[in-house]
Amino acid sequence: MSSLIFITEKEQVLAATDTLATSPDGKPFMFTTKAFIVPHIQMIMCGTGMGGFLGRWFIEVNDRMVARGIDNLNYHTPQVLHSLWKNYIKEYSLPENFTTTVYHFGFSEEDGLIHTYVYRSINDFVSETLSYGFGIKPECNSLEDLEFPKDIKKIMDEQRAIQLSRPENERIYIGGKIQIIHLTKSGFGVYTFGQFDDFEITQQAIFDNYDSQKKCVD
């Protein structure tokens, strides 16, 4: 699971994610990228939920699909995502309660403005459009007088606090570093916007968990 914060306007979009991926039991598994730039379509794709699926979708779009732009891609996306997800859950024997959501942000080939599309596995990846504004997942209570990107870490810290108050099997785990992608007419800006206070501890836990799993295999 992930933190995803985004703000969209007619001629720009900013998206921020954390980098922590966990195993099904919530243990730190690895650091990963949860948002990709797709320059040939002038698009950003982000994912929440089941880790690893967004990377597979990026390869599908980049290596196997012909699309004039984000709107043309939207026409094909629901069907292809449905097929990919069906194969993905079969390959990894995932339970039914595992979900994923894919977000597309990019400049439309039709009107030259930012368009946003969302595809949710719980809704069979039916295409949904979002209006301009900001989105925050998971929930956060401080939603007034926000400044972007200044307040992104504050938002994610609050998200983490909310999640830590929940039972372990209901938590969304957020951690690692904060990655930001900013798309404007002139191109993409990609940068790291700091890291969480427990970054070093989480990184060591990733190495320890990896070594433990390796010993079990050996």
Protein backbone atom coordinates (compact mmCIF):
# COMPACT_ATOMS: atom_id res chain seq x y z
CA MET A 1 0.00 0.00 0.00
CA SER A 2 1.09 3.59 -0.45
CA SER A 3 0.74 7.25 0.25
CA LEU A 4 -0.30 9.17 -2.85
CA ILE A 5 -0.75 12.93 -2.83
CA PHE A 6 -1.50 14.83 -6.01
CA ILE A 7 -2.66 18.22 -7.17
CA THR A 8 -3.88 18.83 -10.71
CA GLU A 9 -4.48 22.04 -12.62
CA LYS A 10 -5.15 22.67 -16.30
CA GLU A 11 -1.49 22.93 -17.24
CA GLN A 12 0.37 21.08 -14.51
CA VAL A 13 0.22 18.15 -12.14
CA LEU A 14 2.32 17.29 -9.09
CA ALA A 15 2.30 13.78 -7.64
CA ALA A 16 4.09 12.55 -4.51
CA THR A 17 4.53 9.00 -3.23
CA ASP A 18 6.48 7.22 -0.54
CA THR A 19 8.89 4.41 -1.44
CA LEU A 20 8.24 1.65 1.10
CA ALA A 21 7.02 -1.77 0.01
CA THR A 22 6.07 -4.33 2.64
CA SER A 23 5.42 -8.05 2.70
CA PRO A 24 1.82 -9.20 3.31
CA ASP A 25 2.47 -9.26 7.07
CA GLY A 26 3.59 -5.62 7.06
CA LYS A 27 7.34 -6.19 7.39
CA PRO A 28 9.59 -3.87 5.37
CA PHE A 29 10.41 -5.70 2.14
CA MET A 30 12.11 -3.16 -0.13
CA PHE A 31 12.19 0.42 -1.34
CA THR A 32 10.51 0.90 -4.69
CA THR A 33 9.20 3.43 -7.20
CA LYS A 34 5.42 3.92 -7.11
CA ALA A 35 5.13 6.45 -9.92
CA PHE A 36 6.55 6.39 -13.45
CA ILE A 37 6.95 9.06 -16.08
CA VAL A 38 5.84 8.16 -19.62
CA PRO A 39 7.40 10.95 -21.69
CA HIS A 40 6.18 9.79 -25.10
CA ILE A 41 2.58 10.19 -23.87
CA GLN A 42 3.30 13.21 -21.61
CA MET A 43 1.90 11.22 -18.72
CA ILE A 44 2.53 10.14 -15.13
CA MET A 45 1.23 6.80 -13.89
CA CYS A 46 0.92 6.05 -10.16
CA GLY A 47 -0.31 3.00 -8.28
CA THR A 48 -1.63 2.15 -4.84
CA GLY A 49 -2.51 -1.19 -3.33
CA MET A 50 -0.74 -4.36 -4.41
CA GLY A 51 2.94 -3.73 -5.03
CA GLY A 52 4.57 -4.74 -8.29
CA PHE A 53 1.50 -4.46 -10.48
CA LEU A 54 2.19 -0.87 -11.58
CA GLY A 55 5.59 -1.90 -12.90
CA ARG A 56 3.99 -4.58 -15.00
CA TRP A 57 1.48 -2.06 -16.34
CA PHE A 58 4.27 0.38 -17.21
CA ILE A 59 6.05 -2.30 -19.26
CA GLU A 60 2.80 -3.14 -21.02
CA VAL A 61 2.19 0.49 -21.98
CA ASN A 62 5.79 1.22 -22.91
CA ASP A 63 6.63 -1.96 -24.82
CA ARG A 64 3.39 -3.30 -26.23
CA MET A 65 0.77 -0.58 -26.73
CA VAL A 66 0.30 2.00 -29.47
CA ALA A 67 -1.38 5.15 -28.14
CA ARG A 68 -1.61 8.71 -29.46
CA GLY A 69 -1.94 10.11 -25.95
CA ILE A 70 -3.57 9.72 -22.56
CA ASP A 71 -7.14 9.84 -23.95
CA ASN A 72 -6.47 7.24 -26.61
CA LEU A 73 -4.75 5.07 -24.00
CA ASN A 74 -7.78 5.45 -21.73
CA TYR A 75 -9.94 3.76 -24.36
CA HIS A 76 -7.85 0.57 -24.16
CA THR A 77 -6.79 0.65 -20.51
CA PRO A 78 -9.76 -0.97 -18.69
CA GLN A 79 -9.72 -4.12 -20.79
CA VAL A 80 -5.94 -4.54 -20.69
CA LEU A 81 -5.72 -3.86 -16.94
CA HIS A 82 -8.48 -6.38 -16.30
CA SER A 83 -6.56 -9.06 -18.20
CA LEU A 84 -3.23 -8.20 -16.56
CA TRP A 85 -4.74 -8.23 -13.07
CA LYS A 86 -6.47 -11.55 -13.64
CA ASN A 87 -3.15 -13.11 -14.63
CA TYR A 88 -1.31 -11.34 -11.82
CA ILE A 89 -3.52 -12.60 -9.01
CA LYS A 90 -3.36 -16.10 -10.49
CA GLU A 91 0.43 -16.02 -10.80
CA TYR A 92 0.90 -14.97 -7.16
CA SER A 93 -2.16 -16.78 -5.72
CA LEU A 94 -3.46 -13.53 -4.23
CA PRO A 95 -6.57 -13.57 -2.03
CA GLU A 96 -9.68 -11.73 -3.17
CA ASN A 97 -9.23 -8.89 -0.68
CA PHE A 98 -6.02 -7.74 -2.38
CA THR A 99 -6.65 -4.68 -4.56
CA THR A 100 -4.87 -2.19 -6.76
CA THR A 101 -5.64 1.24 -8.19
CA VAL A 102 -3.91 2.88 -11.15
CA TYR A 103 -3.84 6.63 -11.79
CA HIS A 104 -2.99 8.37 -15.08
CA PHE A 105 -2.17 12.09 -15.15
CA GLY A 106 -1.17 13.76 -18.39
CA PHE A 107 -1.65 16.25 -21.17
CA SER A 108 -4.55 15.40 -23.46
CA GLU A 109 -3.89 14.99 -27.17
CA GLU A 110 -7.39 16.39 -27.72
CA ASP A 111 -7.40 19.73 -25.87
CA GLY A 112 -3.83 20.09 -24.59
CA LEU A 113 -4.91 20.21 -20.94
CA ILE A 114 -4.22 17.89 -18.01
CA HIS A 115 -6.61 14.94 -17.83
CA THR A 116 -6.79 12.49 -14.93
CA TYR A 117 -8.08 8.92 -15.11
CA VAL A 118 -8.44 6.37 -12.31
CA TYR A 119 -8.85 2.59 -12.66
CA ARG A 120 -9.74 0.49 -9.60
CA SER A 121 -9.63 -3.29 -9.40
CA ILE A 122 -12.63 -3.22 -7.03
CA ASN A 123 -14.57 -1.56 -9.87
CA ASP A 124 -13.24 -3.90 -12.57
CA PHE A 125 -10.93 -1.11 -13.78
CA VAL A 126 -13.78 0.95 -15.23
CA SER A 127 -12.39 4.33 -16.33
CA GLU A 128 -13.16 7.22 -13.96
CA THR A 129 -12.27 10.86 -14.60
CA LEU A 130 -11.26 13.28 -11.86
CA SER A 131 -11.76 17.04 -11.89
CA TYR A 132 -8.96 19.48 -11.04
CA GLY A 133 -7.94 19.74 -7.43
CA PHE A 134 -5.99 17.62 -4.96
CA GLY A 135 -6.23 14.03 -3.82
CA ILE A 136 -4.80 12.37 -0.73
CA LYS A 137 -4.65 8.62 -0.04
CA PRO A 138 -4.95 7.34 2.62
CA GLU A 139 -6.98 9.85 4.62
CA CYS A 140 -5.54 12.86 6.38
CA ASN A 141 -7.30 15.28 8.73
CA SER A 142 -5.31 18.45 7.94
CA LEU A 143 -6.83 19.51 4.62
CA GLU A 144 -7.07 23.29 5.01
CA ASP A 145 -4.55 25.94 3.90
CA LEU A 146 -2.21 23.35 2.41
CA GLU A 147 0.81 24.43 0.37
CA PHE A 148 2.35 22.12 -2.21
CA PRO A 149 4.95 20.77 -2.13
CA LYS A 150 5.83 22.42 1.21
CA ASP A 151 3.27 20.47 3.29
CA ILE A 152 3.65 17.05 1.68
CA LYS A 153 5.83 15.59 4.42
CA LYS A 154 3.49 16.97 7.09
CA ILE A 155 0.57 15.24 5.38
CA MET A 156 2.42 11.94 5.09
CA ASP A 157 3.54 12.10 8.73
CA GLU A 158 -0.09 12.51 9.75
CA GLN A 159 -1.12 9.64 7.48
CA ARG A 160 1.49 7.44 9.17
CA ALA A 161 0.23 8.41 12.63
CA ILE A 162 -3.35 7.54 11.68
CA GLN A 163 -2.30 4.19 10.26
CA LEU A 164 -0.17 3.31 13.30
CA SER A 165 -3.26 3.74 15.49
CA ARG A 166 -4.99 0.91 13.60
CA PRO A 167 -4.62 -2.88 14.00
CA GLU A 168 -1.62 -4.22 12.07
CA ASN A 169 -3.77 -6.17 9.62
CA GLU A 170 -5.69 -3.00 8.69
CA ARG A 171 -2.76 -0.62 8.27
CA ILE A 172 -1.38 1.04 5.18
CA TYR A 173 2.38 1.17 5.60
CA ILE A 174 4.15 4.37 4.52
CA GLY A 175 7.86 5.01 4.69
CA GLY A 176 11.23 5.37 3.02
CA LYS A 177 11.63 8.57 1.04
CA ILE A 178 9.20 11.00 -0.57
CA GLN A 179 9.41 11.07 -4.37
CA ILE A 180 7.83 13.90 -6.36
CA ILE A 181 7.05 14.17 -10.06
CA HIS A 182 6.02 17.54 -11.47
CA LEU A 183 4.68 17.65 -15.03
CA THR A 184 4.29 20.92 -16.94
CA LYS A 185 4.23 21.89 -20.60
CA SER A 186 8.02 22.08 -20.55
CA GLY A 187 8.48 18.51 -19.30
CA PHE A 188 9.02 16.49 -16.13
CA GLY A 189 10.72 17.37 -12.86
CA VAL A 190 11.58 14.35 -10.69
CA TYR A 191 13.15 14.74 -7.27
CA THR A 192 13.36 13.45 -3.69
CA PHE A 193 11.58 15.62 -1.13
CA GLY A 194 13.21 14.32 2.01
CA GLN A 195 12.90 11.07 3.91
CA PHE A 196 11.05 9.83 6.97
CA ASP A 197 12.66 9.99 10.40
CA ASP A 198 12.90 6.20 10.67
CA PHE A 199 14.48 5.73 7.23
CA GLU A 200 17.71 4.19 8.53
CA ILE A 201 15.83 1.83 10.85
CA THR A 202 13.51 0.76 8.02
CA GLN A 203 16.43 0.24 5.65
CA GLN A 204 18.22 -1.98 8.16
CA ALA A 205 14.99 -3.96 8.70
CA ILE A 206 14.79 -4.55 4.94
CA PHE A 207 18.32 -5.97 4.89
CA ASP A 208 17.68 -8.08 8.00
CA ASN A 209 14.45 -9.50 6.57
CA TYR A 210 16.19 -10.27 3.29
CA ASP A 211 19.04 -12.08 5.05
CA SER A 212 16.56 -14.03 7.16
CA GLN A 213 14.62 -15.19 4.11
CA LYS A 214 17.83 -16.09 2.28
CA LYS A 215 18.98 -18.27 5.18
CA CYS A 216 15.63 -20.06 5.18
CA VAL A 217 16.03 -20.86 1.48
CA ASP A 218 19.64 -21.97 1.89
